[in-house]
Amino acid sequence: MSDTIKVVICSGTACYVMGASDILLLEEELPASLRERVQIEGCTCLGYCKDSGRGKAPFVEIDGVVMSSATLPKVIARIRELADA
């Protein structure tokens, strides 16, 4: 099991407008103690907005698990949970 937490932020139009623009600042907002453990990637579109069963934009994948209606605080909270596990 890797100690790296992979975060993929959708920056497609719907996600970007619904708040992914804030989430893209994740690296700047992460506590210094977590920065080395998190790998952050942007993605032009994860495609989840096409499936209403997945929830609402913006979408973020954290270690392969989809988070819908993502916000910067929710993403940071999930990263902290994974880091403490």
N, C-alpha and C. Protein backbone atom coordinates (compact mmCIF):
# COMPACT_ATOMS: atom_id res chain seq x y z
N MET A 1 0.85 -1.19 0.00
CA MET A 1 0.00 0.00 0.00
C MET A 1 0.88 1.24 0.00
N SER A 2 0.60 2.15 -0.89
CA SER A 2 1.40 3.36 -1.05
C SER A 2 1.01 4.40 -0.01
N ASP A 3 2.00 5.17 0.42
CA ASP A 3 1.72 6.27 1.34
C ASP A 3 1.23 7.51 0.61
N THR A 4 1.32 7.48 -0.72
CA THR A 4 0.90 8.63 -1.52
C THR A 4 -0.61 8.59 -1.72
N ILE A 5 -1.24 9.73 -1.52
CA ILE A 5 -2.68 9.89 -1.74
C ILE A 5 -2.83 10.62 -3.06
N LYS A 6 -3.48 9.97 -4.02
CA LYS A 6 -3.64 10.56 -5.35
C LYS A 6 -4.99 11.28 -5.45
N VAL A 7 -4.92 12.54 -5.85
CA VAL A 7 -6.12 13.36 -6.00
C VAL A 7 -6.20 13.83 -7.45
N VAL A 8 -7.31 13.51 -8.11
CA VAL A 8 -7.54 13.96 -9.48
C VAL A 8 -8.74 14.91 -9.46
N ILE A 9 -8.50 16.13 -9.88
CA ILE A 9 -9.53 17.17 -9.86
C ILE A 9 -10.05 17.39 -11.27
N CYS A 10 -11.34 17.22 -11.46
CA CYS A 10 -11.94 17.47 -12.76
C CYS A 10 -12.02 18.97 -12.98
N SER A 11 -11.53 19.40 -14.13
CA SER A 11 -11.62 20.83 -14.45
C SER A 11 -12.40 21.04 -15.74
N GLY A 12 -13.29 20.08 -16.05
CA GLY A 12 -14.20 20.27 -17.17
C GLY A 12 -15.11 21.45 -16.89
N THR A 13 -15.80 21.92 -17.87
CA THR A 13 -16.59 23.14 -17.75
C THR A 13 -17.55 23.12 -16.58
N ALA A 14 -18.37 22.07 -16.47
CA ALA A 14 -19.36 22.02 -15.39
C ALA A 14 -18.68 22.02 -14.03
N CYS A 15 -17.67 21.19 -13.87
CA CYS A 15 -16.97 21.11 -12.58
C CYS A 15 -16.26 22.42 -12.26
N TYR A 16 -15.60 22.99 -13.24
CA TYR A 16 -14.86 24.23 -13.02
C TYR A 16 -15.80 25.34 -12.54
N VAL A 17 -16.93 25.48 -13.21
CA VAL A 17 -17.88 26.54 -12.86
C VAL A 17 -18.53 26.28 -11.50
N MET A 18 -18.72 25.01 -11.15
CA MET A 18 -19.38 24.65 -9.90
C MET A 18 -18.44 24.63 -8.69
N GLY A 19 -17.17 24.95 -8.89
CA GLY A 19 -16.28 25.07 -7.75
C GLY A 19 -14.93 24.41 -7.85
N ALA A 20 -14.67 23.67 -8.92
CA ALA A 20 -13.36 23.03 -9.06
C ALA A 20 -12.25 24.07 -9.16
N SER A 21 -12.59 25.27 -9.58
CA SER A 21 -11.58 26.34 -9.66
C SER A 21 -10.97 26.58 -8.27
N ASP A 22 -11.77 26.49 -7.22
CA ASP A 22 -11.25 26.62 -5.85
C ASP A 22 -10.44 25.39 -5.44
N ILE A 23 -10.91 24.21 -5.83
CA ILE A 23 -10.25 22.97 -5.44
C ILE A 23 -8.88 22.87 -6.10
N LEU A 24 -8.72 23.49 -7.26
CA LEU A 24 -7.42 23.46 -7.94
C LEU A 24 -6.34 24.17 -7.13
N LEU A 25 -6.72 24.91 -6.10
CA LEU A 25 -5.76 25.57 -5.19
C LEU A 25 -5.34 24.65 -4.05
N LEU A 26 -5.69 23.38 -4.14
CA LEU A 26 -5.47 22.41 -3.07
C LEU A 26 -4.03 22.42 -2.56
N GLU A 27 -3.07 22.40 -3.45
CA GLU A 27 -1.67 22.32 -3.01
C GLU A 27 -1.30 23.49 -2.10
N GLU A 28 -1.80 24.67 -2.41
CA GLU A 28 -1.51 25.85 -1.59
C GLU A 28 -2.20 25.79 -0.23
N GLU A 29 -3.33 25.11 -0.15
CA GLU A 29 -4.12 25.08 1.07
C GLU A 29 -3.84 23.88 1.97
N LEU A 30 -3.16 22.89 1.45
CA LEU A 30 -2.84 21.70 2.26
C LEU A 30 -1.87 22.06 3.38
N PRO A 31 -2.06 21.50 4.55
CA PRO A 31 -1.06 21.68 5.61
C PRO A 31 0.28 21.13 5.14
N ALA A 32 1.35 21.76 5.55
CA ALA A 32 2.70 21.36 5.13
C ALA A 32 2.97 19.88 5.43
N SER A 33 2.41 19.38 6.50
CA SER A 33 2.64 17.99 6.89
C SER A 33 2.04 16.99 5.90
N LEU A 34 1.11 17.43 5.07
CA LEU A 34 0.46 16.53 4.11
C LEU A 34 0.96 16.70 2.68
N ARG A 35 1.58 17.82 2.38
CA ARG A 35 1.96 18.13 0.99
C ARG A 35 2.80 17.05 0.34
N GLU A 36 3.73 16.47 1.06
CA GLU A 36 4.59 15.46 0.47
C GLU A 36 3.87 14.13 0.23
N ARG A 37 2.75 13.94 0.89
CA ARG A 37 2.00 12.68 0.77
C ARG A 37 0.94 12.70 -0.32
N VAL A 38 0.69 13.89 -0.90
CA VAL A 38 -0.42 14.04 -1.84
C VAL A 38 0.10 14.32 -3.25
N GLN A 39 -0.39 13.52 -4.19
CA GLN A 39 -0.09 13.74 -5.61
C GLN A 39 -1.35 14.33 -6.23
N ILE A 40 -1.25 15.54 -6.76
CA ILE A 40 -2.42 16.25 -7.30
C ILE A 40 -2.32 16.31 -8.82
N GLU A 41 -3.43 15.96 -9.47
CA GLU A 41 -3.50 16.03 -10.93
C GLU A 41 -4.78 16.74 -11.32
N GLY A 42 -4.73 17.46 -12.40
CA GLY A 42 -5.92 18.03 -13.01
C GLY A 42 -6.33 17.14 -14.17
N CYS A 43 -7.59 17.15 -14.49
CA CYS A 43 -8.10 16.33 -15.58
C CYS A 43 -9.10 17.17 -16.36
N THR A 44 -9.04 17.14 -17.68
CA THR A 44 -9.95 17.96 -18.46
C THR A 44 -11.40 17.57 -18.27
N CYS A 45 -11.66 16.29 -18.05
CA CYS A 45 -13.02 15.84 -17.74
C CYS A 45 -12.98 14.40 -17.25
N LEU A 46 -13.55 14.16 -16.10
CA LEU A 46 -13.65 12.79 -15.59
C LEU A 46 -14.88 12.07 -16.15
N GLY A 47 -15.84 12.82 -16.69
CA GLY A 47 -17.01 12.24 -17.32
C GLY A 47 -18.14 11.86 -16.39
N TYR A 48 -18.02 12.15 -15.09
CA TYR A 48 -19.05 11.73 -14.14
C TYR A 48 -20.33 12.56 -14.26
N CYS A 49 -20.25 13.75 -14.80
CA CYS A 49 -21.44 14.60 -14.91
C CYS A 49 -22.47 14.02 -15.88
N LYS A 50 -22.03 13.08 -16.70
CA LYS A 50 -22.94 12.44 -17.66
C LYS A 50 -23.81 11.37 -17.01
N ASP A 51 -23.48 10.99 -15.78
CA ASP A 51 -24.20 9.95 -15.06
C ASP A 51 -24.80 10.57 -13.80
N SER A 52 -26.11 10.84 -13.83
CA SER A 52 -26.75 11.53 -12.70
C SER A 52 -26.69 10.71 -11.42
N GLY A 53 -26.43 9.42 -11.52
CA GLY A 53 -26.31 8.59 -10.34
C GLY A 53 -25.01 8.82 -9.56
N ARG A 54 -24.10 9.54 -10.14
CA ARG A 54 -22.81 9.82 -9.50
C ARG A 54 -22.85 11.06 -8.62
N GLY A 55 -23.94 11.81 -8.67
CA GLY A 55 -24.03 13.04 -7.88
C GLY A 55 -23.84 14.26 -8.75
N LYS A 56 -23.43 15.35 -8.12
CA LYS A 56 -23.32 16.62 -8.83
C LYS A 56 -21.87 17.13 -8.84
N ALA A 57 -21.60 17.94 -9.83
CA ALA A 57 -20.28 18.57 -9.97
C ALA A 57 -20.05 19.55 -8.81
N PRO A 58 -18.82 19.78 -8.48
CA PRO A 58 -17.59 19.28 -9.07
C PRO A 58 -17.21 17.91 -8.53
N PHE A 59 -16.48 17.16 -9.37
CA PHE A 59 -16.05 15.82 -9.02
C PHE A 59 -14.55 15.78 -8.78
N VAL A 60 -14.17 15.00 -7.79
CA VAL A 60 -12.76 14.78 -7.47
C VAL A 60 -12.61 13.29 -7.15
N GLU A 61 -11.56 12.69 -7.66
CA GLU A 61 -11.23 11.31 -7.30
C GLU A 61 -10.10 11.35 -6.28
N ILE A 62 -10.31 10.69 -5.16
CA ILE A 62 -9.28 10.60 -4.13
C ILE A 62 -8.97 9.12 -3.95
N ASP A 63 -7.77 8.75 -4.34
CA ASP A 63 -7.36 7.34 -4.33
C ASP A 63 -8.38 6.46 -5.05
N GLY A 64 -8.88 6.96 -6.18
CA GLY A 64 -9.79 6.18 -7.02
C GLY A 64 -11.24 6.21 -6.61
N VAL A 65 -11.56 6.87 -5.50
CA VAL A 65 -12.94 6.96 -5.03
C VAL A 65 -13.49 8.33 -5.40
N VAL A 66 -14.66 8.33 -6.04
CA VAL A 66 -15.25 9.58 -6.52
C VAL A 66 -15.93 10.34 -5.39
N MET A 67 -15.64 11.64 -5.33
CA MET A 67 -16.34 12.54 -4.42
C MET A 67 -17.13 13.52 -5.29
N SER A 68 -18.44 13.56 -5.09
CA SER A 68 -19.25 14.53 -5.82
C SER A 68 -19.53 15.73 -4.91
N SER A 69 -20.00 16.79 -5.52
CA SER A 69 -20.26 18.04 -4.79
C SER A 69 -19.06 18.40 -3.92
N ALA A 70 -17.89 18.20 -4.48
CA ALA A 70 -16.65 18.41 -3.75
C ALA A 70 -16.41 19.89 -3.46
N THR A 71 -15.82 20.12 -2.31
CA THR A 71 -15.37 21.46 -1.94
C THR A 71 -13.94 21.32 -1.42
N LEU A 72 -13.23 22.41 -1.37
CA LEU A 72 -11.87 22.36 -0.87
C LEU A 72 -11.81 21.83 0.56
N PRO A 73 -12.66 22.29 1.48
CA PRO A 73 -12.63 21.73 2.83
C PRO A 73 -12.96 20.24 2.88
N LYS A 74 -13.92 19.77 2.06
CA LYS A 74 -14.26 18.35 2.05
C LYS A 74 -13.09 17.51 1.54
N VAL A 75 -12.40 18.00 0.52
CA VAL A 75 -11.27 17.27 -0.04
C VAL A 75 -10.14 17.19 1.00
N ILE A 76 -9.85 18.30 1.64
CA ILE A 76 -8.79 18.30 2.66
C ILE A 76 -9.16 17.38 3.82
N ALA A 77 -10.42 17.39 4.23
CA ALA A 77 -10.86 16.50 5.32
C ALA A 77 -10.67 15.04 4.94
N ARG A 78 -10.99 14.69 3.70
CA ARG A 78 -10.83 13.30 3.26
C ARG A 78 -9.36 12.91 3.20
N ILE A 79 -8.53 13.82 2.74
CA ILE A 79 -7.09 13.55 2.70
C ILE A 79 -6.57 13.31 4.12
N ARG A 80 -7.02 14.11 5.06
CA ARG A 80 -6.60 13.92 6.46
C ARG A 80 -7.03 12.56 6.98
N GLU A 81 -8.27 12.15 6.65
CA GLU A 81 -8.75 10.83 7.08
C GLU A 81 -7.85 9.73 6.53
N LEU A 82 -7.52 9.81 5.25
CA LEU A 82 -6.69 8.79 4.63
C LEU A 82 -5.26 8.81 5.20
N ALA A 83 -4.76 9.98 5.48
CA ALA A 83 -3.40 10.11 6.02
C ALA A 83 -3.31 9.52 7.42
N ASP A 84 -4.40 9.61 8.18
CA ASP A 84 -4.42 9.11 9.55
C ASP A 84 -4.73 7.62 9.64
N ALA A 85 -5.21 7.05 8.52
CA ALA A 85 -5.62 5.63 8.53
C ALA A 85 -4.42 4.70 8.58
